[in-house]
Amino acid sequence: MYFGRNTPNGYVTDNAWDSFREVLGMTFNSYTVQDVEGAWKGESEDTKLVTVTTKYKEKVNDVCRAYVDIFNQDAVGLLITNPMQFITKEVEVF
């Protein structure tokens, strides 16, 4: 999920992002956040790239929709790929 930080009225502050991360934490057991640079409609913007591995696509859609609604965004970028695989110790295989 690509969460742009520019808004029609300014910018998603660090405090606002930290509050939104609570939504991620309530929705997914684990996730990764990276700071990346993106662009939307020709405008460069700071972006949060959030990666999750889940079989619940509707939860991903709900999180994207929440961000759009909370921060008045045009869209959230969503890239769906094959699930991550894990290499574990034999005794810890799930």
C-alpha atoms as a PDB file:
ATOM      1  CA  MET A   1       0.000   0.000   0.000  1.00  0.00           C
ATOM      2  CA  TYR A   2       1.357   3.399  -0.988  1.00  0.00           C
ATOM      3  CA  PHE A   3       0.123   6.162   1.311  1.00  0.00           C
ATOM      4  CA  GLY A   4       0.936   9.615  -0.056  1.00  0.00           C
ATOM      5  CA  ARG A   5       1.340  12.299   2.577  1.00  0.00           C
ATOM      6  CA  ASN A   6       0.267  15.355   0.585  1.00  0.00           C
ATOM      7  CA  THR A   7      -3.350  16.361   1.138  1.00  0.00           C
ATOM      8  CA  PRO A   8      -5.572  18.984  -0.484  1.00  0.00           C
ATOM      9  CA  ASN A   9      -5.121  21.082   2.679  1.00  0.00           C
ATOM     10  CA  GLY A  10      -1.490  20.374   3.520  1.00  0.00           C
ATOM     11  CA  TYR A  11       0.394  17.319   4.702  1.00  0.00           C
ATOM     12  CA  VAL A  12      -0.126  14.178   6.803  1.00  0.00           C
ATOM     13  CA  THR A  13       2.072  15.029   9.791  1.00  0.00           C
ATOM     14  CA  ASP A  14       4.172  12.495  11.671  1.00  0.00           C
ATOM     15  CA  ASN A  15       1.684  12.641  14.544  1.00  0.00           C
ATOM     16  CA  ALA A  16      -1.243  12.019  12.191  1.00  0.00           C
ATOM     17  CA  TRP A  17       0.630   9.111  10.586  1.00  0.00           C
ATOM     18  CA  ASP A  18       1.448   7.633  13.988  1.00  0.00           C
ATOM     19  CA  SER A  19      -2.243   7.751  14.868  1.00  0.00           C
ATOM     20  CA  PHE A  20      -3.111   6.027  11.591  1.00  0.00           C
ATOM     21  CA  ARG A  21      -0.540   3.311  12.344  1.00  0.00           C
ATOM     22  CA  GLU A  22      -2.847   2.240  15.139  1.00  0.00           C
ATOM     23  CA  VAL A  23      -5.311   1.197  12.412  1.00  0.00           C
ATOM     24  CA  LEU A  24      -2.576  -0.931  10.849  1.00  0.00           C
ATOM     25  CA  GLY A  25      -1.729  -2.494  14.200  1.00  0.00           C
ATOM     26  CA  MET A  26      -5.368  -3.331  14.914  1.00  0.00           C
ATOM     27  CA  THR A  27      -5.825  -4.839  11.454  1.00  0.00           C
ATOM     28  CA  PHE A  28      -2.628  -6.809  10.797  1.00  0.00           C
ATOM     29  CA  ASN A  29      -0.453  -8.953  13.065  1.00  0.00           C
ATOM     30  CA  SER A  30       2.663  -7.715  11.297  1.00  0.00           C
ATOM     31  CA  TYR A  31       3.598  -5.189   8.654  1.00  0.00           C
ATOM     32  CA  THR A  32       6.598  -3.236   7.363  1.00  0.00           C
ATOM     33  CA  VAL A  33       6.684   0.536   6.814  1.00  0.00           C
ATOM     34  CA  GLN A  34       9.215   2.228   4.539  1.00  0.00           C
ATOM     35  CA  ASP A  35       9.674   5.914   3.783  1.00  0.00           C
ATOM     36  CA  VAL A  36       9.777   6.385   0.016  1.00  0.00           C
ATOM     37  CA  GLU A  37       9.420   9.232  -2.466  1.00  0.00           C
ATOM     38  CA  GLY A  38       6.456   9.099  -4.808  1.00  0.00           C
ATOM     39  CA  ALA A  39       4.506  11.280  -7.179  1.00  0.00           C
ATOM     40  CA  TRP A  40       0.809  11.853  -7.789  1.00  0.00           C
ATOM     41  CA  LYS A  41      -0.541  13.894 -10.688  1.00  0.00           C
ATOM     42  CA  GLY A  42       2.958  15.172 -11.434  1.00  0.00           C
ATOM     43  CA  GLU A  43       3.605  16.335  -7.868  1.00  0.00           C
ATOM     44  CA  SER A  44       6.426  14.773  -5.858  1.00  0.00           C
ATOM     45  CA  GLU A  45       5.444  13.683  -2.353  1.00  0.00           C
ATOM     46  CA  ASP A  46       6.679  11.807   0.673  1.00  0.00           C
ATOM     47  CA  THR A  47       5.025   8.400   0.790  1.00  0.00           C
ATOM     48  CA  LYS A  48       4.704   5.584   3.296  1.00  0.00           C
ATOM     49  CA  LEU A  49       5.025   2.151   1.685  1.00  0.00           C
ATOM     50  CA  VAL A  50       3.325  -0.446   3.880  1.00  0.00           C
ATOM     51  CA  THR A  51       3.828  -4.136   3.134  1.00  0.00           C
ATOM     52  CA  VAL A  52       1.649  -6.862   4.637  1.00  0.00           C
ATOM     53  CA  THR A  53       1.190 -10.549   4.006  1.00  0.00           C
ATOM     54  CA  THR A  54      -2.422 -11.575   4.460  1.00  0.00           C
ATOM     55  CA  LYS A  55      -5.103 -13.666   2.840  1.00  0.00           C
ATOM     56  CA  TYR A  56      -7.743 -11.100   3.823  1.00  0.00           C
ATOM     57  CA  LYS A  57      -7.868  -8.709   0.858  1.00  0.00           C
ATOM     58  CA  GLU A  58     -10.951  -7.010   2.293  1.00  0.00           C
ATOM     59  CA  LYS A  59      -8.882  -5.889   5.312  1.00  0.00           C
ATOM     60  CA  VAL A  60      -6.331  -4.327   2.965  1.00  0.00           C
ATOM     61  CA  ASN A  61      -9.125  -2.545   1.107  1.00  0.00           C
ATOM     62  CA  ASP A  62     -10.624  -1.340   4.401  1.00  0.00           C
ATOM     63  CA  VAL A  63      -7.302   0.165   5.507  1.00  0.00           C
ATOM     64  CA  CYS A  64      -6.844   1.890   2.136  1.00  0.00           C
ATOM     65  CA  ARG A  65     -10.393   3.252   2.268  1.00  0.00           C
ATOM     66  CA  ALA A  66      -9.857   4.515   5.828  1.00  0.00           C
ATOM     67  CA  TYR A  67      -6.757   6.463   4.745  1.00  0.00           C
ATOM     68  CA  VAL A  68      -8.598   7.948   1.759  1.00  0.00           C
ATOM     69  CA  ASP A  69     -11.478   9.021   4.008  1.00  0.00           C
ATOM     70  CA  ILE A  70      -9.441  10.281   6.982  1.00  0.00           C
ATOM     71  CA  PHE A  71      -6.945  12.310   4.956  1.00  0.00           C
ATOM     72  CA  ASN A  72      -9.159  13.294   2.001  1.00  0.00           C
ATOM     73  CA  GLN A  73      -6.941  11.462  -0.501  1.00  0.00           C
ATOM     74  CA  ASP A  74      -7.759  10.833  -4.156  1.00  0.00           C
ATOM     75  CA  ALA A  75      -6.426   7.284  -3.887  1.00  0.00           C
ATOM     76  CA  VAL A  76      -4.079   4.870  -2.168  1.00  0.00           C
ATOM     77  CA  GLY A  77      -1.780   2.836  -4.410  1.00  0.00           C
ATOM     78  CA  LEU A  78      -2.172  -0.893  -3.979  1.00  0.00           C
ATOM     79  CA  LEU A  79       0.183  -3.531  -5.396  1.00  0.00           C
ATOM     80  CA  ILE A  80      -0.804  -7.161  -4.841  1.00  0.00           C
ATOM     81  CA  THR A  81       1.839  -9.837  -5.394  1.00  0.00           C
ATOM     82  CA  ASN A  82       2.330 -13.464  -4.517  1.00  0.00           C
ATOM     83  CA  PRO A  83       2.486 -14.005  -0.753  1.00  0.00           C
ATOM     84  CA  MET A  84       5.789 -13.913   1.058  1.00  0.00           C
ATOM     85  CA  GLN A  85       7.236 -17.294   1.918  1.00  0.00           C
ATOM     86  CA  PHE A  86       9.128 -18.088   5.104  1.00  0.00           C
ATOM     87  CA  ILE A  87      12.198 -20.234   5.655  1.00  0.00           C
ATOM     88  CA  THR A  88      12.073 -21.495   9.239  1.00  0.00           C
ATOM     89  CA  LYS A  89      13.704 -24.013  11.509  1.00  0.00           C
ATOM     90  CA  GLU A  90      12.073 -27.413  11.083  1.00  0.00           C
ATOM     91  CA  VAL A  91      10.821 -27.408  14.668  1.00  0.00           C
ATOM     92  CA  GLU A  92       9.068 -24.068  14.101  1.00  0.00           C
ATOM     93  CA  VAL A  93       7.249 -24.845  10.862  1.00  0.00           C
ATOM     94  CA  PHE A  94       3.717 -23.480  11.018  1.00  0.00           C
END
